[in-house]
C-alpha atoms as a PDB file:
ATOM      1  CA  UNK A   1      35.624 292.276  -8.911  1.00  0.00           C
ATOM      2  CA  UNK A   2      43.520 299.217  -7.480  1.00  0.00           C
ATOM      3  CA  UNK A   3      52.829 301.258  -6.991  1.00  0.00           C
ATOM      4  CA  UNK A   4      53.478 304.728  -7.222  1.00  0.00           C
ATOM      5  CA  UNK A   5      52.998 307.897  -5.144  1.00  0.00           C
ATOM      6  CA  UNK A   6      49.421 308.920  -4.534  1.00  0.00           C
ATOM      7  CA  UNK A   7      50.113 312.140  -6.388  1.00  0.00           C
ATOM      8  CA  UNK A   8      50.437 310.148  -9.588  1.00  0.00           C
ATOM      9  CA  UNK A   9      47.024 308.634  -9.014  1.00  0.00           C
ATOM     10  CA  UNK A  10      45.542 312.067  -8.487  1.00  0.00           C
ATOM     11  CA  UNK A  11      47.136 313.306 -11.721  1.00  0.00           C
ATOM     12  CA  UNK A  12      45.704 310.331 -13.551  1.00  0.00           C
ATOM     13  CA  UNK A  13      42.164 311.444 -12.874  1.00  0.00           C
ATOM     14  CA  UNK A  14      42.719 315.173 -13.271  1.00  0.00           C
ATOM     15  CA  UNK A  15      40.170 317.333 -11.496  1.00  0.00           C
ATOM     16  CA  UNK A  16      38.339 314.550  -9.620  1.00  0.00           C
ATOM     17  CA  UNK A  17      37.577 315.647  -6.043  1.00  0.00           C
ATOM     18  CA  UNK A  18      39.998 314.282  -3.438  1.00  0.00           C
ATOM     19  CA  UNK A  19      37.464 312.544  -1.240  1.00  0.00           C
ATOM     20  CA  UNK A  20      35.577 309.281  -1.385  1.00  0.00           C
ATOM     21  CA  UNK A  21      32.522 309.157  -3.591  1.00  0.00           C
ATOM     22  CA  UNK A  22      29.751 306.621  -3.260  1.00  0.00           C
ATOM     23  CA  UNK A  23      28.877 304.973  -6.569  1.00  0.00           C
ATOM     24  CA  UNK A  24      26.251 302.543  -7.742  1.00  0.00           C
ATOM     25  CA  UNK A  25      27.313 299.852 -10.192  1.00  0.00           C
ATOM     26  CA  UNK A  26      25.384 300.436 -13.394  1.00  0.00           C
ATOM     27  CA  UNK A  27      23.713 297.105 -14.289  1.00  0.00           C
ATOM     28  CA  UNK A  28      23.534 298.116 -17.950  1.00  0.00           C
ATOM     29  CA  UNK A  29      27.331 298.407 -18.108  1.00  0.00           C
ATOM     30  CA  UNK A  30      28.478 295.714 -15.689  1.00  0.00           C
ATOM     31  CA  UNK A  31      29.268 292.126 -16.687  1.00  0.00           C
ATOM     32  CA  UNK A  32      30.951 289.158 -15.042  1.00  0.00           C
ATOM     33  CA  UNK A  33      32.404 286.772 -17.628  1.00  0.00           C
ATOM     34  CA  UNK A  34      33.725 283.305 -16.844  1.00  0.00           C
ATOM     35  CA  UNK A  35      35.912 281.187 -19.136  1.00  0.00           C
ATOM     36  CA  UNK A  36      36.452 277.440 -18.783  1.00  0.00           C
ATOM     37  CA  UNK A  37      37.988 274.644 -20.825  1.00  0.00           C
ATOM     38  CA  UNK A  38      35.800 271.834 -22.167  1.00  0.00           C
ATOM     39  CA  UNK A  39      37.605 268.464 -22.577  1.00  0.00           C
ATOM     40  CA  UNK A  40      40.746 270.281 -23.750  1.00  0.00           C
ATOM     41  CA  UNK A  41      39.104 271.321 -27.008  1.00  0.00           C
ATOM     42  CA  UNK A  42      37.479 274.689 -26.377  1.00  0.00           C
ATOM     43  CA  UNK A  43      37.636 277.621 -24.012  1.00  0.00           C
ATOM     44  CA  UNK A  44      34.003 278.504 -23.533  1.00  0.00           C
ATOM     45  CA  UNK A  45      32.697 281.838 -22.279  1.00  0.00           C
ATOM     46  CA  UNK A  46      29.622 282.625 -20.236  1.00  0.00           C
ATOM     47  CA  UNK A  47      28.519 285.660 -18.342  1.00  0.00           C
ATOM     48  CA  UNK A  48      26.211 286.980 -15.689  1.00  0.00           C
ATOM     49  CA  UNK A  49      24.340 290.053 -16.797  1.00  0.00           C
ATOM     50  CA  UNK A  50      22.455 291.030 -13.659  1.00  0.00           C
ATOM     51  CA  UNK A  51      24.756 292.552 -11.054  1.00  0.00           C
ATOM     52  CA  UNK A  52      23.979 295.065  -8.329  1.00  0.00           C
ATOM     53  CA  UNK A  53      26.436 296.761  -6.020  1.00  0.00           C
ATOM     54  CA  UNK A  54      28.015 299.826  -4.475  1.00  0.00           C
ATOM     55  CA  UNK A  55      31.499 301.317  -4.538  1.00  0.00           C
ATOM     56  CA  UNK A  56      33.304 303.768  -2.278  1.00  0.00           C
ATOM     57  CA  UNK A  57      36.237 305.261  -4.183  1.00  0.00           C
ATOM     58  CA  UNK A  58      38.664 308.149  -3.644  1.00  0.00           C
ATOM     59  CA  UNK A  59      41.187 308.457  -6.497  1.00  0.00           C
ATOM     60  CA  UNK A  60      43.551 310.364  -4.182  1.00  0.00           C
ATOM     61  CA  UNK A  61      43.718 307.303  -1.915  1.00  0.00           C
ATOM     62  CA  UNK A  62      42.359 304.239  -3.724  1.00  0.00           C
ATOM     63  CA  UNK A  63      43.569 301.902  -0.965  1.00  0.00           C
ATOM     64  CA  UNK A  64      40.585 303.083   1.075  1.00  0.00           C
ATOM     65  CA  UNK A  65      38.148 301.924  -1.564  1.00  0.00           C
ATOM     66  CA  UNK A  66      35.520 299.290  -0.902  1.00  0.00           C
ATOM     67  CA  UNK A  67      33.075 297.440  -3.099  1.00  0.00           C
ATOM     68  CA  UNK A  68      30.183 295.066  -2.604  1.00  0.00           C
ATOM     69  CA  UNK A  69      28.380 293.249  -5.393  1.00  0.00           C
ATOM     70  CA  UNK A  70      25.568 290.756  -5.764  1.00  0.00           C
ATOM     71  CA  UNK A  71      25.182 288.552  -8.838  1.00  0.00           C
ATOM     72  CA  UNK A  72      21.860 287.007  -9.801  1.00  0.00           C
ATOM     73  CA  UNK A  73      22.658 283.438 -10.787  1.00  0.00           C
ATOM     74  CA  UNK A  74      19.597 283.118 -13.017  1.00  0.00           C
ATOM     75  CA  UNK A  75      21.120 285.783 -15.308  1.00  0.00           C
ATOM     76  CA  UNK A  76      23.718 283.253 -16.511  1.00  0.00           C
ATOM     77  CA  UNK A  77      24.130 283.372 -20.293  1.00  0.00           C
ATOM     78  CA  UNK A  78      26.360 281.037 -22.315  1.00  0.00           C
ATOM     79  CA  UNK A  79      24.640 281.807 -25.642  1.00  0.00           C
ATOM     80  CA  UNK A  80      23.275 278.231 -25.522  1.00  0.00           C
ATOM     81  CA  UNK A  81      19.898 278.074 -23.835  1.00  0.00           C
ATOM     82  CA  UNK A  82      20.143 274.409 -22.860  1.00  0.00           C
ATOM     83  CA  UNK A  83      23.575 274.964 -21.315  1.00  0.00           C
ATOM     84  CA  UNK A  84      22.226 277.943 -19.377  1.00  0.00           C
ATOM     85  CA  UNK A  85      19.755 275.576 -17.728  1.00  0.00           C
ATOM     86  CA  UNK A  86      22.537 273.122 -16.887  1.00  0.00           C
ATOM     87  CA  UNK A  87      24.740 275.838 -15.394  1.00  0.00           C
ATOM     88  CA  UNK A  88      21.882 277.224 -13.307  1.00  0.00           C
ATOM     89  CA  UNK A  89      20.906 273.695 -12.212  1.00  0.00           C
ATOM     90  CA  UNK A  90      21.883 271.616  -9.224  1.00  0.00           C
ATOM     91  CA  UNK A  91      25.109 270.210 -10.698  1.00  0.00           C
ATOM     92  CA  UNK A  92      26.625 273.650 -11.029  1.00  0.00           C
ATOM     93  CA  UNK A  93      25.419 276.977  -9.568  1.00  0.00           C
ATOM     94  CA  UNK A  94      22.067 275.636  -8.285  1.00  0.00           C
ATOM     95  CA  UNK A  95      20.182 278.900  -8.694  1.00  0.00           C
ATOM     96  CA  UNK A  96      17.021 277.508  -7.087  1.00  0.00           C
ATOM     97  CA  UNK A  97      18.831 276.923  -3.795  1.00  0.00           C
ATOM     98  CA  UNK A  98      21.495 279.617  -4.056  1.00  0.00           C
ATOM     99  CA  UNK A  99      20.000 282.447  -6.137  1.00  0.00           C
ATOM    100  CA  UNK A 100      22.838 284.921  -5.627  1.00  0.00           C
ATOM    101  CA  UNK A 101      26.621 285.060  -5.450  1.00  0.00           C
ATOM    102  CA  UNK A 102      28.243 287.922  -3.546  1.00  0.00           C
ATOM    103  CA  UNK A 103      31.584 289.699  -3.341  1.00  0.00           C
ATOM    104  CA  UNK A 104      32.656 292.015  -0.532  1.00  0.00           C
ATOM    105  CA  UNK A 105      36.099 293.627  -0.544  1.00  0.00           C
ATOM    106  CA  UNK A 106      38.331 293.371   2.521  1.00  0.00           C
ATOM    107  CA  UNK A 107      41.540 295.058   1.327  1.00  0.00           C
ATOM    108  CA  UNK A 108      42.703 297.279  -1.532  1.00  0.00           C
ATOM    109  CA  UNK A 109      46.380 297.659  -2.426  1.00  0.00           C
ATOM    110  CA  UNK A 110      48.230 299.689  -5.029  1.00  0.00           C
ATOM    111  CA  UNK A 111      49.307 297.725  -8.098  1.00  0.00           C
ATOM    112  CA  UNK A 112      52.304 297.918 -10.426  1.00  0.00           C
ATOM    113  CA  UNK A 113      51.262 301.225 -12.042  1.00  0.00           C
ATOM    114  CA  UNK A 114      49.136 304.203 -10.900  1.00  0.00           C
ATOM    115  CA  UNK A 115      46.074 302.901 -12.676  1.00  0.00           C
ATOM    116  CA  UNK A 116      46.209 299.385 -11.243  1.00  0.00           C
ATOM    117  CA  UNK A 117      45.004 297.948  -7.944  1.00  0.00           C
ATOM    118  CA  UNK A 118      44.767 294.607  -6.195  1.00  0.00           C
ATOM    119  CA  UNK A 119      41.398 294.134  -4.541  1.00  0.00           C
ATOM    120  CA  UNK A 120      41.013 291.244  -2.096  1.00  0.00           C
ATOM    121  CA  UNK A 121      37.630 290.199  -0.847  1.00  0.00           C
ATOM    122  CA  UNK A 122      35.272 287.415   0.143  1.00  0.00           C
ATOM    123  CA  UNK A 123      33.460 285.659  -2.697  1.00  0.00           C
ATOM    124  CA  UNK A 124      30.436 283.563  -1.812  1.00  0.00           C
ATOM    125  CA  UNK A 125      29.072 280.983  -4.259  1.00  0.00           C
ATOM    126  CA  UNK A 126      26.651 278.214  -3.258  1.00  0.00           C
ATOM    127  CA  UNK A 127      26.920 279.417   0.359  1.00  0.00           C
ATOM    128  CA  UNK A 128      30.700 278.782   0.357  1.00  0.00           C
ATOM    129  CA  UNK A 129      32.913 281.805   1.046  1.00  0.00           C
ATOM    130  CA  UNK A 130      36.523 281.991  -0.144  1.00  0.00           C
ATOM    131  CA  UNK A 131      39.026 284.870  -0.362  1.00  0.00           C
ATOM    132  CA  UNK A 132      39.908 286.004  -3.888  1.00  0.00           C
ATOM    133  CA  UNK A 133      42.158 288.756  -5.235  1.00  0.00           C
ATOM    134  CA  UNK A 134      41.222 290.744  -8.311  1.00  0.00           C
ATOM    135  CA  UNK A 135      43.786 292.456 -10.543  1.00  0.00           C
ATOM    136  CA  UNK A 136      42.017 295.718 -11.321  1.00  0.00           C
ATOM    137  CA  UNK A 137      42.656 298.378 -13.946  1.00  0.00           C
ATOM    138  CA  UNK A 138      41.072 301.783 -13.389  1.00  0.00           C
ATOM    139  CA  UNK A 139      39.922 302.539 -16.916  1.00  0.00           C
ATOM    140  CA  UNK A 140      38.511 306.030 -16.344  1.00  0.00           C
ATOM    141  CA  UNK A 141      37.253 308.375 -13.638  1.00  0.00           C
ATOM    142  CA  UNK A 142      35.361 311.504 -14.627  1.00  0.00           C
ATOM    143  CA  UNK A 143      32.054 312.824 -15.868  1.00  0.00           C
ATOM    144  CA  UNK A 144      29.921 310.373 -17.796  1.00  0.00           C
ATOM    145  CA  UNK A 145      28.605 312.480 -20.701  1.00  0.00           C
ATOM    146  CA  UNK A 146      25.221 310.794 -21.031  1.00  0.00           C
ATOM    147  CA  UNK A 147      24.475 310.826 -17.316  1.00  0.00           C
ATOM    148  CA  UNK A 148      26.156 314.204 -16.733  1.00  0.00           C
ATOM    149  CA  UNK A 149      27.410 312.671 -13.494  1.00  0.00           C
ATOM    150  CA  UNK A 150      30.629 311.488 -11.898  1.00  0.00           C
ATOM    151  CA  UNK A 151      31.518 307.955 -13.004  1.00  0.00           C
ATOM    152  CA  UNK A 152      34.289 305.398 -12.578  1.00  0.00           C
ATOM    153  CA  UNK A 153      35.137 302.454 -14.799  1.00  0.00           C
ATOM    154  CA  UNK A 154      37.090 299.337 -13.916  1.00  0.00           C
ATOM    155  CA  UNK A 155      38.318 296.164 -15.611  1.00  0.00           C
ATOM    156  CA  UNK A 156      39.228 293.236 -13.324  1.00  0.00           C
ATOM    157  CA  UNK A 157      40.500 289.671 -13.682  1.00  0.00           C
ATOM    158  CA  UNK A 158      41.142 286.696 -11.445  1.00  0.00           C
ATOM    159  CA  UNK A 159      41.248 282.889 -11.626  1.00  0.00           C
ATOM    160  CA  UNK A 160      39.210 280.542  -9.434  1.00  0.00           C
ATOM    161  CA  UNK A 161      38.920 276.805  -8.916  1.00  0.00           C
ATOM    162  CA  UNK A 162      35.262 275.805  -9.040  1.00  0.00           C
ATOM    163  CA  UNK A 163      35.836 272.786  -6.796  1.00  0.00           C
ATOM    164  CA  UNK A 164      36.650 275.192  -3.948  1.00  0.00           C
ATOM    165  CA  UNK A 165      32.961 276.175  -4.059  1.00  0.00           C
ATOM    166  CA  UNK A 166      31.671 272.618  -4.243  1.00  0.00           C
ATOM    167  CA  UNK A 167      31.138 272.594  -8.023  1.00  0.00           C
ATOM    168  CA  UNK A 168      32.770 269.335  -9.116  1.00  0.00           C
ATOM    169  CA  UNK A 169      30.603 267.915 -11.916  1.00  0.00           C
ATOM    170  CA  UNK A 170      32.625 266.394 -14.797  1.00  0.00           C
ATOM    171  CA  UNK A 171      36.028 267.094 -13.267  1.00  0.00           C
ATOM    172  CA  UNK A 172      38.680 266.911 -14.677  1.00  0.00           C
ATOM    173  CA  UNK A 173      37.278 266.785 -18.216  1.00  0.00           C
ATOM    174  CA  UNK A 174      35.532 270.088 -17.694  1.00  0.00           C
ATOM    175  CA  UNK A 175      38.294 272.216 -16.177  1.00  0.00           C
ATOM    176  CA  UNK A 176      38.476 273.062 -12.505  1.00  0.00           C
ATOM    177  CA  UNK A 177      40.178 276.374 -13.267  1.00  0.00           C
ATOM    178  CA  UNK A 178      37.851 279.178 -14.270  1.00  0.00           C
ATOM    179  CA  UNK A 179      39.059 282.581 -15.460  1.00  0.00           C
ATOM    180  CA  UNK A 180      36.977 285.575 -14.404  1.00  0.00           C
ATOM    181  CA  UNK A 181      36.742 288.913 -16.207  1.00  0.00           C
ATOM    182  CA  UNK A 182      34.702 291.744 -14.708  1.00  0.00           C
ATOM    183  CA  UNK A 183      33.881 295.057 -16.364  1.00  0.00           C
ATOM    184  CA  UNK A 184      31.885 297.751 -14.645  1.00  0.00           C
ATOM    185  CA  UNK A 185      30.862 301.360 -14.969  1.00  0.00           C
ATOM    186  CA  UNK A 186      29.792 302.935 -11.688  1.00  0.00           C
ATOM    187  CA  UNK A 187      27.749 306.123 -11.414  1.00  0.00           C
ATOM    188  CA  UNK A 188      27.683 308.531  -8.474  1.00  0.00           C
ATOM    189  CA  UNK A 189      24.926 307.111  -6.305  1.00  0.00           C
ATOM    190  CA  UNK A 190      22.585 310.110  -6.082  1.00  0.00           C
ATOM    191  CA  UNK A 191      22.804 310.759  -9.802  1.00  0.00           C
ATOM    192  CA  UNK A 192      22.166 307.104 -10.542  1.00  0.00           C
ATOM    193  CA  UNK A 193      19.099 307.072  -8.319  1.00  0.00           C
ATOM    194  CA  UNK A 194      17.738 310.190 -10.038  1.00  0.00           C
ATOM    195  CA  UNK A 195      18.506 308.989 -13.561  1.00  0.00           C
ATOM    196  CA  UNK A 196      16.921 306.453 -15.904  1.00  0.00           C
ATOM    197  CA  UNK A 197      16.165 303.054 -14.500  1.00  0.00           C
ATOM    198  CA  UNK A 198      18.257 300.000 -15.535  1.00  0.00           C
ATOM    199  CA  UNK A 199      17.216 298.798 -18.946  1.00  0.00           C
ATOM    200  CA  UNK A 200      16.162 302.253 -20.121  1.00  0.00           C
END
């Protein structure tokens, strides 16, 4: 889960080197939220808190970027323990049979402003793969002061239909349309590997 000349993109990130950097998604600062409507009354929010992945990103040419991510389904958190069990169960994500969801980018295009991108990729949930396009904002590229390492932050949104992935329980009362919001902070891969472990 990046329309203007490339020079503008380079100016946006200042002194960042003009070549692709390999990053690791920081699990402590990466979340995938999902929002759905319940019987027309409420828009509920859940999230996955355990995400791993890698990013290749060159701010001088963001269209050459690529990202892969893996989400652990058992990290689902709706703030209601009983509902977490339902969501991870067979009627919904079925974590026992399909423990991970994955995203792998296939194309990156420039967006409406220098700090925005459109990232298309293959999303796999419950062993069903569908193309999705993320609207991505590049929030910041530069040195992360705690890590003392190159970092890149992104904020991304998209909308899915859960039925496309075979999740049809309680349709249409529980909405088919699900809004997705992804936030991530990625750290230069070597620095991440040498730094504190996730959770510390």
